[in-house]
N, C-alpha and C. Protein backbone atom coordinates (compact mmCIF):
# COMPACT_ATOMS: atom_id res chain seq x y z
N MET A 1 0.82 -1.20 0.00
CA MET A 1 0.00 0.00 0.00
C MET A 1 0.87 1.26 0.00
N PHE A 2 1.98 1.21 0.78
CA PHE A 2 2.87 2.36 0.85
C PHE A 2 3.45 2.67 -0.53
N HIS A 3 3.79 1.63 -1.29
CA HIS A 3 4.41 1.82 -2.60
C HIS A 3 3.46 2.54 -3.56
N ARG A 4 2.18 2.24 -3.47
CA ARG A 4 1.20 2.93 -4.32
C ARG A 4 1.16 4.42 -4.00
N TRP A 5 1.14 4.75 -2.71
CA TRP A 5 1.10 6.16 -2.31
C TRP A 5 2.38 6.87 -2.70
N ALA A 6 3.51 6.19 -2.53
CA ALA A 6 4.79 6.78 -2.91
C ALA A 6 4.85 7.03 -4.41
N ALA A 7 4.37 6.07 -5.20
CA ALA A 7 4.36 6.24 -6.65
C ALA A 7 3.43 7.37 -7.06
N LEU A 8 2.30 7.47 -6.41
CA LEU A 8 1.35 8.54 -6.72
C LEU A 8 1.93 9.90 -6.37
N ALA A 9 2.60 9.99 -5.23
CA ALA A 9 3.24 11.24 -4.84
C ALA A 9 4.32 11.63 -5.83
N LEU A 10 5.09 10.66 -6.32
CA LEU A 10 6.12 10.92 -7.31
C LEU A 10 5.52 11.43 -8.61
N VAL A 11 4.44 10.83 -9.07
CA VAL A 11 3.79 11.27 -10.30
C VAL A 11 3.28 12.70 -10.15
N LEU A 12 2.66 13.01 -9.01
CA LEU A 12 2.17 14.37 -8.78
C LEU A 12 3.31 15.37 -8.76
N ALA A 13 4.43 15.01 -8.13
CA ALA A 13 5.58 15.91 -8.07
C ALA A 13 6.16 16.13 -9.46
N LEU A 14 6.25 15.09 -10.27
CA LEU A 14 6.79 15.23 -11.62
C LEU A 14 5.89 16.05 -12.52
N CYS A 15 4.60 15.98 -12.31
CA CYS A 15 3.65 16.77 -13.10
C CYS A 15 3.79 18.26 -12.82
N ALA A 16 4.28 18.59 -11.64
CA ALA A 16 4.40 20.00 -11.25
C ALA A 16 5.69 20.63 -11.78
N VAL A 17 6.64 19.81 -12.25
CA VAL A 17 7.92 20.32 -12.73
C VAL A 17 7.77 20.76 -14.19
N PRO A 18 8.10 22.02 -14.49
CA PRO A 18 7.99 22.46 -15.88
C PRO A 18 9.08 21.82 -16.74
N THR A 19 8.76 21.55 -18.00
CA THR A 19 9.73 20.95 -18.91
C THR A 19 10.59 22.04 -19.53
N LYS A 20 11.84 21.70 -19.86
CA LYS A 20 12.74 22.65 -20.50
C LYS A 20 12.78 22.36 -21.99
N GLN A 21 13.04 23.39 -22.75
CA GLN A 21 13.13 23.23 -24.19
C GLN A 21 14.54 22.78 -24.54
N ALA A 22 14.65 21.74 -25.37
CA ALA A 22 15.95 21.22 -25.76
C ALA A 22 16.63 22.19 -26.71
N ALA A 23 17.97 22.16 -26.70
CA ALA A 23 18.74 23.03 -27.59
C ALA A 23 18.39 22.70 -29.04
N GLY A 24 18.23 23.71 -29.85
CA GLY A 24 17.93 23.51 -31.26
C GLY A 24 16.44 23.45 -31.58
N GLN A 25 15.60 23.35 -30.57
CA GLN A 25 14.16 23.33 -30.83
C GLN A 25 13.68 24.74 -31.10
N GLN A 26 12.76 24.86 -32.01
CA GLN A 26 12.17 26.14 -32.31
C GLN A 26 11.15 26.51 -31.25
N SER A 27 11.15 27.73 -30.86
CA SER A 27 10.15 28.21 -29.91
C SER A 27 8.88 28.56 -30.67
N THR A 28 7.79 27.95 -30.28
CA THR A 28 6.52 28.21 -30.95
C THR A 28 5.55 28.91 -30.00
N THR A 29 6.12 29.65 -29.06
CA THR A 29 5.23 30.32 -28.11
C THR A 29 4.53 31.47 -28.79
N GLN A 30 3.27 31.58 -28.49
CA GLN A 30 2.46 32.65 -29.01
C GLN A 30 2.06 33.54 -27.85
N PRO A 31 1.68 34.76 -28.12
CA PRO A 31 1.27 35.61 -27.02
C PRO A 31 0.12 34.96 -26.25
N ARG A 32 0.24 34.97 -24.94
CA ARG A 32 -0.79 34.36 -24.10
C ARG A 32 -2.02 35.24 -24.01
N GLU A 33 -3.16 34.59 -24.08
CA GLU A 33 -4.40 35.30 -23.86
C GLU A 33 -4.61 35.45 -22.37
N ARG A 34 -5.21 36.54 -21.96
CA ARG A 34 -5.53 36.69 -20.55
C ARG A 34 -6.64 35.73 -20.20
N LYS A 35 -6.52 35.13 -19.05
CA LYS A 35 -7.55 34.21 -18.57
C LYS A 35 -8.73 35.00 -18.04
N ALA A 36 -9.89 34.36 -18.05
CA ALA A 36 -11.11 35.00 -17.59
C ALA A 36 -11.28 34.88 -16.08
N GLY A 37 -10.30 34.29 -15.40
CA GLY A 37 -10.40 34.15 -13.95
C GLY A 37 -9.07 33.81 -13.33
N SER A 38 -9.02 33.93 -12.01
CA SER A 38 -7.82 33.56 -11.27
C SER A 38 -8.25 32.91 -9.96
N LEU A 39 -7.38 32.07 -9.45
CA LEU A 39 -7.71 31.27 -8.28
C LEU A 39 -6.63 31.45 -7.23
N GLY A 40 -7.04 31.74 -5.99
CA GLY A 40 -6.08 31.89 -4.90
C GLY A 40 -5.93 30.60 -4.12
N GLN A 41 -4.98 30.60 -3.19
CA GLN A 41 -4.75 29.42 -2.36
C GLN A 41 -5.86 29.31 -1.31
N ASN A 42 -6.30 28.08 -1.10
CA ASN A 42 -7.35 27.88 -0.10
C ASN A 42 -6.83 28.21 1.29
N PHE A 43 -7.73 28.54 2.20
CA PHE A 43 -7.34 28.81 3.58
C PHE A 43 -8.39 28.24 4.51
N PRO A 44 -8.06 27.74 5.66
CA PRO A 44 -6.69 27.40 6.07
C PRO A 44 -6.20 26.18 5.29
N ASN A 45 -4.90 26.05 5.19
CA ASN A 45 -4.27 24.93 4.49
C ASN A 45 -3.08 24.46 5.31
N PRO A 46 -3.02 23.28 5.85
CA PRO A 46 -4.01 22.22 5.75
C PRO A 46 -5.27 22.57 6.52
N PHE A 47 -6.37 21.91 6.14
CA PHE A 47 -7.64 22.26 6.76
C PHE A 47 -8.25 21.07 7.48
N ASN A 48 -9.08 21.38 8.44
CA ASN A 48 -9.84 20.36 9.15
C ASN A 48 -10.92 21.08 9.95
N PRO A 49 -12.16 20.94 9.67
CA PRO A 49 -12.82 20.14 8.65
C PRO A 49 -13.33 20.95 7.45
N GLU A 50 -13.11 22.27 7.40
CA GLU A 50 -13.65 23.05 6.29
C GLU A 50 -12.59 24.01 5.76
N THR A 51 -12.81 24.48 4.51
CA THR A 51 -11.86 25.39 3.89
C THR A 51 -12.59 26.33 2.93
N ARG A 52 -11.90 27.39 2.55
CA ARG A 52 -12.47 28.39 1.63
C ARG A 52 -11.49 28.60 0.47
N PHE A 53 -12.04 28.91 -0.71
CA PHE A 53 -11.26 29.10 -1.92
C PHE A 53 -11.55 30.49 -2.49
N PRO A 54 -10.60 31.42 -2.41
CA PRO A 54 -10.82 32.73 -3.04
C PRO A 54 -10.58 32.64 -4.55
N PHE A 55 -11.40 33.33 -5.34
CA PHE A 55 -11.19 33.36 -6.78
C PHE A 55 -11.76 34.64 -7.36
N ASN A 56 -11.29 34.99 -8.55
CA ASN A 56 -11.74 36.19 -9.26
C ASN A 56 -12.31 35.80 -10.61
N VAL A 57 -13.33 36.51 -11.03
CA VAL A 57 -13.86 36.40 -12.39
C VAL A 57 -13.48 37.71 -13.07
N GLU A 58 -12.74 37.60 -14.18
CA GLU A 58 -12.15 38.78 -14.81
C GLU A 58 -12.56 38.90 -16.27
N LEU A 59 -11.91 39.80 -16.98
CA LEU A 59 -12.12 40.05 -18.41
C LEU A 59 -13.55 40.49 -18.73
N CYS A 60 -13.99 41.52 -18.08
CA CYS A 60 -15.35 42.00 -18.35
C CYS A 60 -15.37 43.31 -19.12
N GLU A 61 -14.22 43.99 -19.22
CA GLU A 61 -14.22 45.25 -19.94
C GLU A 61 -14.31 45.00 -21.44
N GLY A 62 -15.34 45.53 -22.06
CA GLY A 62 -15.52 45.41 -23.49
C GLY A 62 -16.01 44.04 -23.95
N GLY A 63 -16.12 43.09 -23.05
CA GLY A 63 -16.55 41.74 -23.43
C GLY A 63 -17.81 41.37 -22.70
N ALA A 64 -17.94 40.12 -22.40
CA ALA A 64 -19.11 39.62 -21.68
C ALA A 64 -19.11 40.16 -20.26
N SER A 65 -20.28 40.50 -19.76
CA SER A 65 -20.37 41.02 -18.39
C SER A 65 -20.56 39.90 -17.38
N THR A 66 -20.89 38.71 -17.85
CA THR A 66 -21.02 37.56 -16.95
C THR A 66 -20.31 36.36 -17.57
N HIS A 67 -19.97 35.42 -16.69
CA HIS A 67 -19.28 34.21 -17.12
C HIS A 67 -19.89 33.01 -16.41
N VAL A 68 -19.82 31.84 -17.04
CA VAL A 68 -20.28 30.60 -16.43
C VAL A 68 -19.09 30.00 -15.68
N VAL A 69 -19.27 29.80 -14.37
CA VAL A 69 -18.16 29.41 -13.50
C VAL A 69 -18.46 28.08 -12.82
N THR A 70 -17.42 27.21 -12.76
CA THR A 70 -17.50 25.93 -12.05
C THR A 70 -16.24 25.76 -11.23
N LEU A 71 -16.38 25.28 -10.00
CA LEU A 71 -15.24 24.98 -9.14
C LEU A 71 -15.46 23.58 -8.57
N LYS A 72 -14.47 22.71 -8.76
CA LYS A 72 -14.58 21.33 -8.26
C LYS A 72 -13.33 20.94 -7.50
N VAL A 73 -13.51 20.04 -6.54
CA VAL A 73 -12.40 19.49 -5.76
C VAL A 73 -12.22 18.03 -6.20
N TYR A 74 -10.96 17.65 -6.48
CA TYR A 74 -10.64 16.30 -6.95
C TYR A 74 -9.67 15.62 -5.98
N ASN A 75 -9.77 14.29 -5.88
CA ASN A 75 -8.78 13.54 -5.12
C ASN A 75 -7.62 13.20 -6.04
N VAL A 76 -6.62 12.46 -5.54
CA VAL A 76 -5.44 12.15 -6.35
C VAL A 76 -5.74 11.17 -7.47
N LEU A 77 -6.89 10.55 -7.47
CA LEU A 77 -7.30 9.67 -8.56
C LEU A 77 -8.13 10.40 -9.61
N ALA A 78 -8.17 11.73 -9.50
CA ALA A 78 -8.92 12.60 -10.42
C ALA A 78 -10.42 12.35 -10.36
N GLN A 79 -10.91 11.93 -9.21
CA GLN A 79 -12.35 11.75 -8.99
C GLN A 79 -12.89 13.01 -8.31
N VAL A 80 -14.06 13.45 -8.75
CA VAL A 80 -14.69 14.63 -8.12
C VAL A 80 -15.10 14.27 -6.71
N VAL A 81 -14.60 15.03 -5.75
CA VAL A 81 -14.91 14.81 -4.35
C VAL A 81 -15.99 15.78 -3.88
N ALA A 82 -15.96 17.01 -4.40
CA ALA A 82 -16.90 18.02 -3.94
C ALA A 82 -17.06 19.13 -4.96
N VAL A 83 -18.20 19.80 -4.87
CA VAL A 83 -18.45 21.04 -5.58
C VAL A 83 -18.73 22.07 -4.49
N PRO A 84 -17.75 22.95 -4.20
CA PRO A 84 -17.96 23.93 -3.13
C PRO A 84 -19.14 24.85 -3.43
N ILE A 85 -19.64 25.51 -2.38
CA ILE A 85 -20.74 26.45 -2.55
C ILE A 85 -20.20 27.88 -2.56
N LEU A 86 -20.90 28.75 -3.21
CA LEU A 86 -20.52 30.16 -3.26
C LEU A 86 -21.00 30.82 -1.98
N GLU A 87 -20.06 31.40 -1.22
CA GLU A 87 -20.44 32.04 0.04
C GLU A 87 -21.35 33.23 -0.23
N GLY A 88 -22.33 33.38 0.61
CA GLY A 88 -23.28 34.48 0.49
C GLY A 88 -24.47 34.15 -0.38
N VAL A 89 -24.32 33.18 -1.26
CA VAL A 89 -25.41 32.78 -2.16
C VAL A 89 -25.89 31.38 -1.80
N ASN A 90 -24.99 30.57 -1.24
CA ASN A 90 -25.27 29.19 -0.84
C ASN A 90 -25.77 28.33 -1.98
N LYS A 91 -25.17 28.51 -3.16
CA LYS A 91 -25.47 27.66 -4.31
C LYS A 91 -24.19 26.95 -4.72
N PRO A 92 -24.29 25.68 -5.15
CA PRO A 92 -23.10 24.98 -5.61
C PRO A 92 -22.48 25.70 -6.80
N LEU A 93 -21.16 25.75 -6.83
CA LEU A 93 -20.43 26.43 -7.90
C LEU A 93 -20.27 25.51 -9.10
N GLN A 94 -21.38 25.15 -9.69
CA GLN A 94 -21.37 24.34 -10.89
C GLN A 94 -22.24 25.02 -11.93
N LYS A 95 -21.57 25.52 -12.96
CA LYS A 95 -22.23 26.23 -14.05
C LYS A 95 -23.07 27.39 -13.53
N LEU A 96 -22.51 28.14 -12.59
CA LEU A 96 -23.17 29.32 -12.04
C LEU A 96 -22.77 30.54 -12.87
N THR A 97 -23.70 31.37 -13.22
CA THR A 97 -23.41 32.58 -13.97
C THR A 97 -23.07 33.69 -12.98
N LEU A 98 -21.84 34.23 -13.11
CA LEU A 98 -21.35 35.24 -12.18
C LEU A 98 -20.85 36.46 -12.94
N ALA A 99 -21.05 37.62 -12.35
CA ALA A 99 -20.50 38.85 -12.89
C ALA A 99 -19.03 38.94 -12.49
N CYS A 100 -18.29 39.83 -13.11
CA CYS A 100 -16.89 40.01 -12.76
C CYS A 100 -16.78 40.47 -11.31
N GLY A 101 -15.74 40.00 -10.64
CA GLY A 101 -15.52 40.40 -9.26
C GLY A 101 -14.79 39.33 -8.49
N GLN A 102 -14.66 39.59 -7.17
CA GLN A 102 -13.98 38.66 -6.28
C GLN A 102 -15.01 37.85 -5.52
N TYR A 103 -14.73 36.56 -5.37
CA TYR A 103 -15.66 35.65 -4.69
C TYR A 103 -14.89 34.71 -3.78
N VAL A 104 -15.64 34.05 -2.88
CA VAL A 104 -15.07 33.03 -2.01
C VAL A 104 -16.03 31.84 -2.03
N ALA A 105 -15.45 30.65 -2.26
CA ALA A 105 -16.22 29.41 -2.22
C ALA A 105 -15.92 28.70 -0.91
N PHE A 106 -16.87 27.91 -0.44
CA PHE A 106 -16.75 27.22 0.85
C PHE A 106 -16.96 25.73 0.65
N TRP A 107 -16.10 24.92 1.27
CA TRP A 107 -16.27 23.47 1.28
C TRP A 107 -16.24 22.99 2.72
N ASP A 108 -17.26 22.24 3.10
CA ASP A 108 -17.38 21.76 4.48
C ASP A 108 -16.56 20.50 4.76
N GLY A 109 -15.79 20.03 3.78
CA GLY A 109 -14.93 18.88 3.97
C GLY A 109 -15.62 17.54 3.81
N LYS A 110 -16.86 17.56 3.31
CA LYS A 110 -17.62 16.32 3.14
C LYS A 110 -17.62 15.90 1.68
N VAL A 111 -17.61 14.59 1.47
CA VAL A 111 -17.60 14.02 0.12
C VAL A 111 -18.98 14.20 -0.52
N LEU A 112 -18.96 14.60 -1.77
CA LEU A 112 -20.18 14.86 -2.54
C LEU A 112 -21.12 13.66 -2.53
N GLY A 113 -22.35 13.88 -2.12
CA GLY A 113 -23.37 12.85 -2.18
C GLY A 113 -23.38 11.84 -1.04
N THR A 114 -22.36 11.88 -0.17
CA THR A 114 -22.32 10.89 0.90
C THR A 114 -22.50 11.51 2.28
N GLY A 115 -22.08 12.75 2.46
CA GLY A 115 -22.15 13.39 3.77
C GLY A 115 -21.03 12.96 4.69
N LYS A 116 -20.12 12.08 4.22
CA LYS A 116 -18.99 11.63 5.04
C LYS A 116 -17.83 12.60 4.89
N GLU A 117 -17.02 12.71 5.96
CA GLU A 117 -15.85 13.57 5.90
C GLU A 117 -14.82 13.00 4.92
N ALA A 118 -14.19 13.89 4.18
CA ALA A 118 -13.16 13.47 3.23
C ALA A 118 -11.95 12.94 4.00
N ALA A 119 -11.29 11.95 3.42
CA ALA A 119 -10.12 11.35 4.04
C ALA A 119 -8.94 12.33 4.03
N SER A 120 -8.01 12.12 4.94
CA SER A 120 -6.78 12.91 4.93
C SER A 120 -6.03 12.64 3.64
N GLY A 121 -5.37 13.66 3.11
CA GLY A 121 -4.61 13.46 1.88
C GLY A 121 -4.48 14.72 1.08
N VAL A 122 -4.02 14.58 -0.15
CA VAL A 122 -3.80 15.69 -1.06
C VAL A 122 -4.99 15.79 -2.01
N TYR A 123 -5.49 16.99 -2.19
CA TYR A 123 -6.60 17.25 -3.10
C TYR A 123 -6.21 18.41 -4.02
N THR A 124 -6.85 18.48 -5.18
CA THR A 124 -6.66 19.62 -6.07
C THR A 124 -8.00 20.26 -6.30
N TYR A 125 -7.97 21.54 -6.63
CA TYR A 125 -9.22 22.20 -6.99
C TYR A 125 -9.02 22.94 -8.30
N VAL A 126 -10.06 22.90 -9.12
CA VAL A 126 -9.98 23.41 -10.48
C VAL A 126 -11.10 24.42 -10.69
N LEU A 127 -10.73 25.59 -11.20
CA LEU A 127 -11.70 26.63 -11.54
C LEU A 127 -11.85 26.66 -13.05
N GLU A 128 -13.08 26.59 -13.52
CA GLU A 128 -13.37 26.71 -14.94
C GLU A 128 -14.25 27.93 -15.15
N VAL A 129 -13.86 28.76 -16.12
CA VAL A 129 -14.64 29.94 -16.47
C VAL A 129 -14.97 29.84 -17.95
N ASP A 130 -16.25 29.83 -18.26
CA ASP A 130 -16.74 29.67 -19.63
C ASP A 130 -16.17 28.41 -20.28
N GLY A 131 -16.05 27.33 -19.51
CA GLY A 131 -15.60 26.05 -20.03
C GLY A 131 -14.10 25.90 -20.14
N ASP A 132 -13.33 26.97 -19.91
CA ASP A 132 -11.87 26.90 -19.97
C ASP A 132 -11.30 26.70 -18.58
N ARG A 133 -10.43 25.71 -18.45
CA ARG A 133 -9.78 25.45 -17.17
C ARG A 133 -8.81 26.59 -16.89
N VAL A 134 -9.02 27.27 -15.78
CA VAL A 134 -8.20 28.43 -15.47
C VAL A 134 -6.95 28.03 -14.71
N LEU A 135 -7.09 27.27 -13.65
CA LEU A 135 -5.95 26.97 -12.82
C LEU A 135 -6.31 25.87 -11.86
N LYS A 136 -5.31 25.13 -11.45
CA LYS A 136 -5.56 24.16 -10.39
C LYS A 136 -4.45 24.24 -9.37
N LYS A 137 -4.81 24.03 -8.13
CA LYS A 137 -3.86 24.08 -7.03
C LYS A 137 -4.10 22.91 -6.12
N ALA A 138 -3.06 22.56 -5.38
CA ALA A 138 -3.17 21.44 -4.44
C ALA A 138 -3.26 21.94 -3.01
N PHE A 139 -3.92 21.16 -2.17
CA PHE A 139 -3.98 21.45 -0.75
C PHE A 139 -4.07 20.15 0.01
N ILE A 140 -3.91 20.23 1.31
CA ILE A 140 -3.85 19.04 2.16
C ILE A 140 -4.99 19.04 3.15
N ALA A 141 -5.63 17.90 3.30
CA ALA A 141 -6.66 17.70 4.33
C ALA A 141 -6.07 16.84 5.42
N LYS A 142 -6.27 17.26 6.66
CA LYS A 142 -5.75 16.47 7.79
C LYS A 142 -6.84 15.58 8.33
C-alpha cells in the first residue's frame, strides 16, 4: 500500500515540474491570452474540517459582463470529491453565472453525495470559467 502512495506522490511531483526546451528546438510560443479568472490558495491549508477558496472572475471590460463558473475538488485519482458552494449565495459552484468580481467558495470537507468527511490526503481544486480550465492548485486535508 505504501508503494502505491509513494508512486502517486512521485507522479504528482513530476507533473508539477515544468519541462525545459531542448537546444535547437524552435520556440513556438504565441502571445498568451488573458484568462477569464484567477484562483487563490485555499485557507486554512491544511484544513480540518472546512476550507475556503478565493477566486476572481475577470475580463469584463468590453466583453461579456457575466461568465459561467464551475469549481470542483478532486482527489489524487482525479475523482470529483466536492463542488464547493458560493459564500453568500449558498449555491453549488457548478455552471453558475457570475459577474466580474472577487468571490469566495466554501467546502465543508464532506464528500459529494455521501455526507462523510473526506479522508486525509492531497486534493486539487480546479476553476473553470466559460468552459476553460483556469488553474488548479493542491492542498492538504488532515
